């Protein structure tokens, strides 16, 4: 139990140090650099996940259509082979 609390304390300290560093970095940024960082962060938070979700959705549709086409061709070949 003592190791778990020590680990949680270490993670908390690392996160607080990271937030302090980020706060100081943002405070030193010029307005154009801050605007650029905000735009990059907005891209990462909104557009990139949307693109990944759309990619996965279209890939699933492609696999489903491909499976239907392959099964139809197999059924047609099996029917031709029997006759």
PDB file of N, CA and C in Angstrom:
ATOM      1  N   UNK A   1       0.833  -1.197   0.000  1.00  0.00           N
ATOM      2  CA  UNK A   1       0.000   0.000   0.000  1.00  0.00           C
ATOM      3  C   UNK A   1       0.870   1.250   0.000  1.00  0.00           C
ATOM      4  N   UNK A   2       1.987   1.185   0.717  1.00  0.00           N
ATOM      5  CA  UNK A   2       2.881   2.329   0.808  1.00  0.00           C
ATOM      6  C   UNK A   2       3.520   2.628  -0.544  1.00  0.00           C
ATOM      7  N   UNK A   3       3.830   1.592  -1.322  1.00  0.00           N
ATOM      8  CA  UNK A   3       4.417   1.804  -2.647  1.00  0.00           C
ATOM      9  C   UNK A   3       3.407   2.448  -3.593  1.00  0.00           C
ATOM     10  N   UNK A   4       2.151   2.062  -3.458  1.00  0.00           N
ATOM     11  CA  UNK A   4       1.120   2.626  -4.319  1.00  0.00           C
ATOM     12  C   UNK A   4       0.943   4.120  -4.035  1.00  0.00           C
ATOM     13  N   UNK A   5       0.921   4.503  -2.783  1.00  0.00           N
ATOM     14  CA  UNK A   5       0.780   5.922  -2.462  1.00  0.00           C
ATOM     15  C   UNK A   5       2.015   6.711  -2.892  1.00  0.00           C
ATOM     16  N   UNK A   6       3.193   6.085  -2.778  1.00  0.00           N
ATOM     17  CA  UNK A   6       4.409   6.753  -3.233  1.00  0.00           C
ATOM     18  C   UNK A   6       4.368   6.963  -4.749  1.00  0.00           C
ATOM     19  N   UNK A   7       3.859   5.969  -5.474  1.00  0.00           N
ATOM     20  CA  UNK A   7       3.743   6.093  -6.923  1.00  0.00           C
ATOM     21  C   UNK A   7       2.747   7.184  -7.297  1.00  0.00           C
ATOM     22  N   UNK A   8       1.612   7.224  -6.612  1.00  0.00           N
ATOM     23  CA  UNK A   8       0.608   8.255  -6.882  1.00  0.00           C
ATOM     24  C   UNK A   8       1.168   9.638  -6.575  1.00  0.00           C
ATOM     25  N   UNK A   9       1.916   9.761  -5.468  1.00  0.00           N
ATOM     26  CA  UNK A   9       2.543  11.048  -5.140  1.00  0.00           C
ATOM     27  C   UNK A   9       3.546  11.470  -6.207  1.00  0.00           C
ATOM     28  N   UNK A  10       4.327  10.518  -6.702  1.00  0.00           N
ATOM     29  CA  UNK A  10       5.312  10.826  -7.742  1.00  0.00           C
ATOM     30  C   UNK A  10       4.627  11.261  -9.039  1.00  0.00           C
ATOM     31  N   UNK A  11       3.533  10.594  -9.404  1.00  0.00           N
ATOM     32  CA  UNK A  11       2.783  10.981 -10.600  1.00  0.00           C
ATOM     33  C   UNK A  11       2.191  12.373 -10.418  1.00  0.00           C
ATOM     34  N   UNK A  12       1.649  12.646  -9.236  1.00  0.00           N
ATOM     35  CA  UNK A  12       1.080  13.973  -8.952  1.00  0.00           C
ATOM     36  C   UNK A  12       2.147  15.043  -9.042  1.00  0.00           C
ATOM     37  N   UNK A  13       3.318  14.793  -8.490  1.00  0.00           N
ATOM     38  CA  UNK A  13       4.415  15.765  -8.552  1.00  0.00           C
ATOM     39  C   UNK A  13       4.846  16.012  -9.995  1.00  0.00           C
ATOM     40  N   UNK A  14       4.924  14.943 -10.803  1.00  0.00           N
ATOM     41  CA  UNK A  14       5.313  15.095 -12.205  1.00  0.00           C
ATOM     42  C   UNK A  14       4.282  15.924 -12.960  1.00  0.00           C
ATOM     43  N   UNK A  15       3.003  15.680 -12.719  1.00  0.00           N
ATOM     44  CA  UNK A  15       1.959  16.451 -13.394  1.00  0.00           C
ATOM     45  C   UNK A  15       1.967  17.919 -12.975  1.00  0.00           C
ATOM     46  N   UNK A  16       2.152  18.179 -11.694  1.00  0.00           N
ATOM     47  CA  UNK A  16       2.192  19.575 -11.251  1.00  0.00           C
ATOM     48  C   UNK A  16       3.414  20.290 -11.825  1.00  0.00           C
ATOM     49  N   UNK A  17       4.555  19.603 -11.894  1.00  0.00           N
ATOM     50  CA  UNK A  17       5.736  20.212 -12.506  1.00  0.00           C
ATOM     51  C   UNK A  17       5.504  20.489 -13.986  1.00  0.00           C
ATOM     52  N   UNK A  18       4.824  19.575 -14.667  1.00  0.00           N
ATOM     53  CA  UNK A  18       4.519  19.773 -16.079  1.00  0.00           C
ATOM     54  C   UNK A  18       3.592  20.965 -16.276  1.00  0.00           C
ATOM     55  N   UNK A  19       2.584  21.091 -15.434  1.00  0.00           N
ATOM     56  CA  UNK A  19       1.655  22.220 -15.542  1.00  0.00           C
ATOM     57  C   UNK A  19       2.353  23.541 -15.234  1.00  0.00           C
ATOM     58  N   UNK A  20       3.235  23.559 -14.241  1.00  0.00           N
ATOM     59  CA  UNK A  20       3.985  24.782 -13.944  1.00  0.00           C
ATOM     60  C   UNK A  20       4.869  25.170 -15.126  1.00  0.00           C
ATOM     61  N   UNK A  21       5.551  24.179 -15.706  1.00  0.00           N
ATOM     62  CA  UNK A  21       6.413  24.441 -16.851  1.00  0.00           C
ATOM     63  C   UNK A  21       5.594  24.984 -18.021  1.00  0.00           C
ATOM     64  N   UNK A  22       4.429  24.358 -18.288  1.00  0.00           N
ATOM     65  CA  UNK A  22       3.576  24.817 -19.386  1.00  0.00           C
ATOM     66  C   UNK A  22       3.065  26.231 -19.119  1.00  0.00           C
ATOM     67  N   UNK A  23       2.715  26.529 -17.895  1.00  0.00           N
ATOM     68  CA  UNK A  23       2.255  27.874 -17.556  1.00  0.00           C
ATOM     69  C   UNK A  23       3.336  28.914 -17.776  1.00  0.00           C
ATOM     70  N   UNK A  24       4.567  28.608 -17.349  1.00  0.00           N
ATOM     71  CA  UNK A  24       5.674  29.548 -17.568  1.00  0.00           C
ATOM     72  C   UNK A  24       5.962  29.704 -19.054  1.00  0.00           C
ATOM     73  N   UNK A  25       5.879  28.601 -19.800  1.00  0.00           N
ATOM     74  CA  UNK A  25       6.140  28.658 -21.239  1.00  0.00           C
ATOM     75  C   UNK A  25       5.098  29.515 -21.949  1.00  0.00           C
ATOM     76  N   UNK A  26       3.833  29.349 -21.587  1.00  0.00           N
ATOM     77  CA  UNK A  26       2.765  30.151 -22.188  1.00  0.00           C
ATOM     78  C   UNK A  26       2.936  31.618 -21.815  1.00  0.00           C
ATOM     79  N   UNK A  27       3.370  31.887 -20.607  1.00  0.00           N
ATOM     80  CA  UNK A  27       3.585  33.264 -20.173  1.00  0.00           C
ATOM     81  C   UNK A  27       4.695  33.958 -20.936  1.00  0.00           C
ATOM     82  N   UNK A  28       5.696  33.205 -21.394  1.00  0.00           N
ATOM     83  CA  UNK A  28       6.815  33.792 -22.132  1.00  0.00           C
ATOM     84  C   UNK A  28       6.561  33.890 -23.633  1.00  0.00           C
ATOM     85  N   UNK A  29       5.498  33.265 -24.123  1.00  0.00           N
ATOM     86  CA  UNK A  29       5.246  33.257 -25.570  1.00  0.00           C
ATOM     87  C   UNK A  29       4.773  34.611 -26.070  1.00  0.00           C
ATOM     88  N   UNK A  30       5.180  34.930 -27.296  1.00  0.00           N
ATOM     89  CA  UNK A  30       4.669  36.133 -27.948  1.00  0.00           C
ATOM     90  C   UNK A  30       3.248  35.843 -28.444  1.00  0.00           C
ATOM     91  N   UNK A  31       2.471  36.878 -28.697  1.00  0.00           N
ATOM     92  CA  UNK A  31       1.091  36.649 -29.171  1.00  0.00           C
ATOM     93  C   UNK A  31       1.000  35.829 -30.466  1.00  0.00           C
ATOM     94  N   UNK A  32       1.855  36.032 -31.468  1.00  0.00           N
ATOM     95  CA  UNK A  32       1.758  35.171 -32.655  1.00  0.00           C
ATOM     96  C   UNK A  32       2.090  33.712 -32.363  1.00  0.00           C
ATOM     97  N   UNK A  33       3.077  33.489 -31.507  1.00  0.00           N
ATOM     98  CA  UNK A  33       3.425  32.113 -31.144  1.00  0.00           C
ATOM     99  C   UNK A  33       2.295  31.463 -30.348  1.00  0.00           C
ATOM    100  N   UNK A  34       1.665  32.240 -29.487  1.00  0.00           N
ATOM    101  CA  UNK A  34       0.543  31.729 -28.705  1.00  0.00           C
ATOM    102  C   UNK A  34      -0.635  31.385 -29.614  1.00  0.00           C
ATOM    103  N   UNK A  35      -0.877  32.224 -30.620  1.00  0.00           N
ATOM    104  CA  UNK A  35      -1.940  31.941 -31.580  1.00  0.00           C
ATOM    105  C   UNK A  35      -1.629  30.667 -32.366  1.00  0.00           C
ATOM    106  N   UNK A  36      -0.392  30.514 -32.789  1.00  0.00           N
ATOM    107  CA  UNK A  36       0.002  29.293 -33.513  1.00  0.00           C
ATOM    108  C   UNK A  36      -0.152  28.055 -32.655  1.00  0.00           C
ATOM    109  N   UNK A  37       0.248  28.138 -31.397  1.00  0.00           N
ATOM    110  CA  UNK A  37       0.104  26.998 -30.491  1.00  0.00           C
ATOM    111  C   UNK A  37      -1.365  26.665 -30.270  1.00  0.00           C
ATOM    112  N   UNK A  38      -2.201  27.692 -30.161  1.00  0.00           N
ATOM    113  CA  UNK A  38      -3.640  27.467 -29.981  1.00  0.00           C
ATOM    114  C   UNK A  38      -4.247  26.797 -31.208  1.00  0.00           C
ATOM    115  N   UNK A  39      -3.815  27.221 -32.402  1.00  0.00           N
ATOM    116  CA  UNK A  39      -4.331  26.599 -33.623  1.00  0.00           C
ATOM    117  C   UNK A  39      -3.896  25.142 -33.747  1.00  0.00           C
ATOM    118  N   UNK A  40      -2.654  24.861 -33.409  1.00  0.00           N
ATOM    119  CA  UNK A  40      -2.169  23.474 -33.456  1.00  0.00           C
ATOM    120  C   UNK A  40      -2.923  22.625 -32.450  1.00  0.00           C
ATOM    121  N   UNK A  41      -3.129  23.148 -31.258  1.00  0.00           N
ATOM    122  CA  UNK A  41      -3.867  22.402 -30.236  1.00  0.00           C
ATOM    123  C   UNK A  41      -5.312  22.170 -30.660  1.00  0.00           C
ATOM    124  N   UNK A  42      -5.936  23.170 -31.281  1.00  0.00           N
ATOM    125  CA  UNK A  42      -7.311  23.005 -31.765  1.00  0.00           C
ATOM    126  C   UNK A  42      -7.369  21.944 -32.858  1.00  0.00           C
ATOM    127  N   UNK A  43      -6.367  21.917 -33.725  1.00  0.00           N
ATOM    128  CA  UNK A  43      -6.302  20.889 -34.765  1.00  0.00           C
ATOM    129  C   UNK A  43      -6.193  19.503 -34.150  1.00  0.00           C
ATOM    130  N   UNK A  44      -5.308  19.370 -33.181  1.00  0.00           N
ATOM    131  CA  UNK A  44      -5.109  18.058 -32.563  1.00  0.00           C
ATOM    132  C   UNK A  44      -6.341  17.579 -31.806  1.00  0.00           C
ATOM    133  N   UNK A  45      -7.051  18.500 -31.182  1.00  0.00           N
ATOM    134  CA  UNK A  45      -8.186  18.124 -30.346  1.00  0.00           C
ATOM    135  C   UNK A  45      -9.450  17.865 -31.159  1.00  0.00           C
ATOM    136  N   UNK A  46      -9.631  18.564 -32.274  1.00  0.00           N
ATOM    137  CA  UNK A  46     -10.902  18.453 -32.986  1.00  0.00           C
ATOM    138  C   UNK A  46     -10.798  17.770 -34.343  1.00  0.00           C
ATOM    139  N   UNK A  47      -9.928  18.223 -35.194  1.00  0.00           N
ATOM    140  CA  UNK A  47      -9.916  17.739 -36.571  1.00  0.00           C
ATOM    141  C   UNK A  47      -9.275  16.360 -36.687  1.00  0.00           C
ATOM    142  N   UNK A  48      -8.194  16.128 -35.988  1.00  0.00           N
ATOM    143  CA  UNK A  48      -7.505  14.845 -36.098  1.00  0.00           C
ATOM    144  C   UNK A  48      -8.374  13.665 -35.640  1.00  0.00           C
ATOM    145  N   UNK A  49      -9.055  13.734 -34.489  1.00  0.00           N
ATOM    146  CA  UNK A  49      -9.943  12.617 -34.131  1.00  0.00           C
ATOM    147  C   UNK A  49     -11.082  12.415 -35.129  1.00  0.00           C
ATOM    148  N   UNK A  50     -11.616  13.501 -35.670  1.00  0.00           N
ATOM    149  CA  UNK A  50     -12.670  13.385 -36.676  1.00  0.00           C
ATOM    150  C   UNK A  50     -12.151  12.652 -37.907  1.00  0.00           C
ATOM    151  N   UNK A  51     -10.960  12.993 -38.345  1.00  0.00           N
ATOM    152  CA  UNK A  51     -10.378  12.322 -39.506  1.00  0.00           C
ATOM    153  C   UNK A  51     -10.149  10.840 -39.225  1.00  0.00           C
ATOM    154  N   UNK A  52      -9.691  10.512 -38.036  1.00  0.00           N
ATOM    155  CA  UNK A  52      -9.473   9.102 -37.694  1.00  0.00           C
ATOM    156  C   UNK A  52     -10.785   8.321 -37.649  1.00  0.00           C
ATOM    157  N   UNK A  53     -11.824   8.917 -37.084  1.00  0.00           N
ATOM    158  CA  UNK A  53     -13.124   8.241 -37.016  1.00  0.00           C
ATOM    159  C   UNK A  53     -13.690   8.024 -38.415  1.00  0.00           C
ATOM    160  N   UNK A  54     -13.591   9.036 -39.269  1.00  0.00           N
ATOM    161  CA  UNK A  54     -14.079   8.871 -40.638  1.00  0.00           C
ATOM    162  C   UNK A  54     -13.278   7.816 -41.389  1.00  0.00           C
ATOM    163  N   UNK A  55     -11.973   7.784 -41.184  1.00  0.00           N
ATOM    164  CA  UNK A  55     -11.141   6.767 -41.823  1.00  0.00           C
ATOM    165  C   UNK A  55     -11.578   5.364 -41.411  1.00  0.00           C
ATOM    166  N   UNK A  56     -11.784   5.162 -40.121  1.00  0.00           N
ATOM    167  CA  UNK A  56     -12.207   3.853 -39.634  1.00  0.00           C
ATOM    168  C   UNK A  56     -13.587   3.496 -40.165  1.00  0.00           C
ATOM    169  N   UNK A  57     -14.499   4.453 -40.203  1.00  0.00           N
ATOM    170  CA  UNK A  57     -15.851   4.178 -40.698  1.00  0.00           C
ATOM    171  C   UNK A  57     -15.818   3.769 -42.166  1.00  0.00           C
ATOM    172  N   UNK A  58     -15.094   4.512 -42.994  1.00  0.00           N
ATOM    173  CA  UNK A  58     -15.024   4.166 -44.410  1.00  0.00           C
ATOM    174  C   UNK A  58     -14.278   2.853 -44.633  1.00  0.00           C
ATOM    175  N   UNK A  59     -13.286   2.561 -43.807  1.00  0.00           N
ATOM    176  CA  UNK A  59     -12.578   1.288 -43.932  1.00  0.00           C
ATOM    177  C   UNK A  59     -13.508   0.127 -43.591  1.00  0.00           C
ATOM    178  N   UNK A  60     -14.351   0.278 -42.573  1.00  0.00           N
ATOM    179  CA  UNK A  60     -15.310  -0.769 -42.230  1.00  0.00           C
ATOM    180  C   UNK A  60     -16.328  -0.970 -43.348  1.00  0.00           C
ATOM    181  N   UNK A  61     -16.790   0.127 -43.954  1.00  0.00           N
ATOM    182  CA  UNK A  61     -17.717   0.014 -45.084  1.00  0.00           C
ATOM    183  C   UNK A  61     -17.041  -0.706 -46.244  1.00  0.00           C
ATOM    184  N   UNK A  62     -15.792  -0.379 -46.513  1.00  0.00           N
ATOM    185  CA  UNK A  62     -15.050  -1.015 -47.604  1.00  0.00           C
ATOM    186  C   UNK A  62     -14.900  -2.516 -47.356  1.00  0.00           C
ATOM    187  N   UNK A  63     -14.577  -2.896 -46.131  1.00  0.00           N
ATOM    188  CA  UNK A  63     -14.422  -4.317 -45.802  1.00  0.00           C
ATOM    189  C   UNK A  63     -15.760  -5.038 -45.928  1.00  0.00           C
ATOM    190  N   UNK A  64     -16.842  -4.408 -45.473  1.00  0.00           N
ATOM    191  CA  UNK A  64     -18.157  -5.047 -45.553  1.00  0.00           C
ATOM    192  C   UNK A  64     -18.583  -5.243 -47.004  1.00  0.00           C
ATOM    193  N   UNK A  65     -18.400  -4.223 -47.841  1.00  0.00           N
ATOM    194  CA  UNK A  65     -18.755  -4.346 -49.252  1.00  0.00           C
ATOM    195  C   UNK A  65     -17.877  -5.393 -49.923  1.00  0.00           C
ATOM    196  N   UNK A  66     -16.601  -5.393 -49.598  1.00  0.00           N
ATOM    197  CA  UNK A  66     -15.693  -6.401 -50.154  1.00  0.00           C
ATOM    198  C   UNK A  66     -16.092  -7.813 -49.765  1.00  0.00           C
ATOM    199  N   UNK A  67     -16.509  -8.004 -48.529  1.00  0.00           N
ATOM    200  CA  UNK A  67     -16.941  -9.328 -48.081  1.00  0.00           C
ATOM    201  C   UNK A  67     -18.199  -9.769 -48.821  1.00  0.00           C
ATOM    202  N   UNK A  68     -19.124  -8.856 -49.067  1.00  0.00           N
ATOM    203  CA  UNK A  68     -20.338  -9.195 -49.821  1.00  0.00           C
ATOM    204  C   UNK A  68     -20.002  -9.580 -51.258  1.00  0.00           C
ATOM    205  N   UNK A  69     -19.094  -8.838 -51.873  1.00  0.00           N
ATOM    206  CA  UNK A  69     -18.721  -9.126 -53.258  1.00  0.00           C
ATOM    207  C   UNK A  69     -18.016 -10.474 -53.350  1.00  0.00           C
ATOM    208  N   UNK A  70     -17.107 -10.742 -52.434  1.00  0.00           N
ATOM    209  CA  UNK A  70     -16.377 -12.015 -52.453  1.00  0.00           C
ATOM    210  C   UNK A  70     -17.320 -13.180 -52.211  1.00  0.00           C
ATOM    211  N   UNK A  71     -18.244 -13.043 -51.272  1.00  0.00           N
ATOM    212  CA  UNK A  71     -19.172 -14.146 -51.011  1.00  0.00           C
ATOM    213  C   UNK A  71     -20.098 -14.375 -52.207  1.00  0.00           C
ATOM    214  N   UNK A  72     -20.501 -13.300 -52.880  1.00  0.00           N
ATOM    215  CA  UNK A  72     -21.330 -13.451 -54.079  1.00  0.00           C
ATOM    216  C   UNK A  72     -20.582 -14.157 -55.186  1.00  0.00           C
ATOM    217  N   UNK A  73     -19.330 -13.827 -55.391  1.00  0.00           N
ATOM    218  CA  UNK A  73     -18.533 -14.500 -56.424  1.00  0.00           C
ATOM    219  C   UNK A  73     -18.301 -15.970 -56.087  1.00  0.00           C
ATOM    220  N   UNK A  74     -18.057 -16.245 -54.798  1.00  0.00           N
ATOM    221  CA  UNK A  74     -17.868 -17.651 -54.396  1.00  0.00           C
ATOM    222  C   UNK A  74     -19.141 -18.455 -54.629  1.00  0.00           C
ATOM    223  N   UNK A  75     -20.292 -17.871 -54.316  1.00  0.00           N
ATOM    224  CA  UNK A  75     -21.559 -18.569 -54.515  1.00  0.00           C
ATOM    225  C   UNK A  75     -21.799 -18.813 -55.998  1.00  0.00           C
ATOM    226  N   UNK A  76     -21.464 -17.843 -56.843  1.00  0.00           N
ATOM    227  CA  UNK A  76     -21.641 -17.995 -58.286  1.00  0.00           C
ATOM    228  C   UNK A  76     -20.713 -19.085 -58.825  1.00  0.00           C
ATOM    229  N   UNK A  77     -19.456 -19.121 -58.354  1.00  0.00           N
ATOM    230  CA  UNK A  77     -18.521 -20.159 -58.798  1.00  0.00           C
ATOM    231  C   UNK A  77     -18.976 -21.545 -58.349  1.00  0.00           C
ATOM    232  N   UNK A  78     -19.470 -21.621 -57.113  1.00  0.00           N
ATOM    233  CA  UNK A  78     -19.927 -22.909 -56.600  1.00  0.00           C
ATOM    234  C   UNK A  78     -21.135 -23.392 -57.410  1.00  0.00           C
ATOM    235  N   UNK A  79     -22.002 -22.483 -57.790  1.00  0.00           N
ATOM    236  CA  UNK A  79     -23.191 -22.844 -58.571  1.00  0.00           C
ATOM    237  C   UNK A  79     -22.780 -23.281 -59.983  1.00  0.00           C
ATOM    238  N   UNK A  80     -21.819 -22.602 -60.591  1.00  0.00           N
ATOM    239  CA  UNK A  80     -21.345 -22.982 -61.920  1.00  0.00           C
ATOM    240  C   UNK A  80     -20.609 -24.309 -61.886  1.00  0.00           C
ATOM    241  N   UNK A  81     -19.890 -24.567 -60.821  1.00  0.00           N
ATOM    242  CA  UNK A  81     -19.125 -25.804 -60.694  1.00  0.00           C
ATOM    243  C   UNK A  81     -20.041 -27.013 -60.532  1.00  0.00           C
ATOM    244  N   UNK A  82     -21.171 -26.825 -59.837  1.00  0.00           N
ATOM    245  CA  UNK A  82     -22.131 -27.926 -59.622  1.00  0.00           C
ATOM    246  C   UNK A  82     -22.822 -28.284 -60.923  1.00  0.00           C
ATOM    247  N   UNK A  83     -23.142 -27.313 -61.740  1.00  0.00           N
ATOM    248  CA  UNK A  83     -23.876 -27.559 -62.977  1.00  0.00           C
ATOM    249  C   UNK A  83     -22.932 -28.071 -63.983  1.00  0.00           C
TER     250      UNK A  83
END
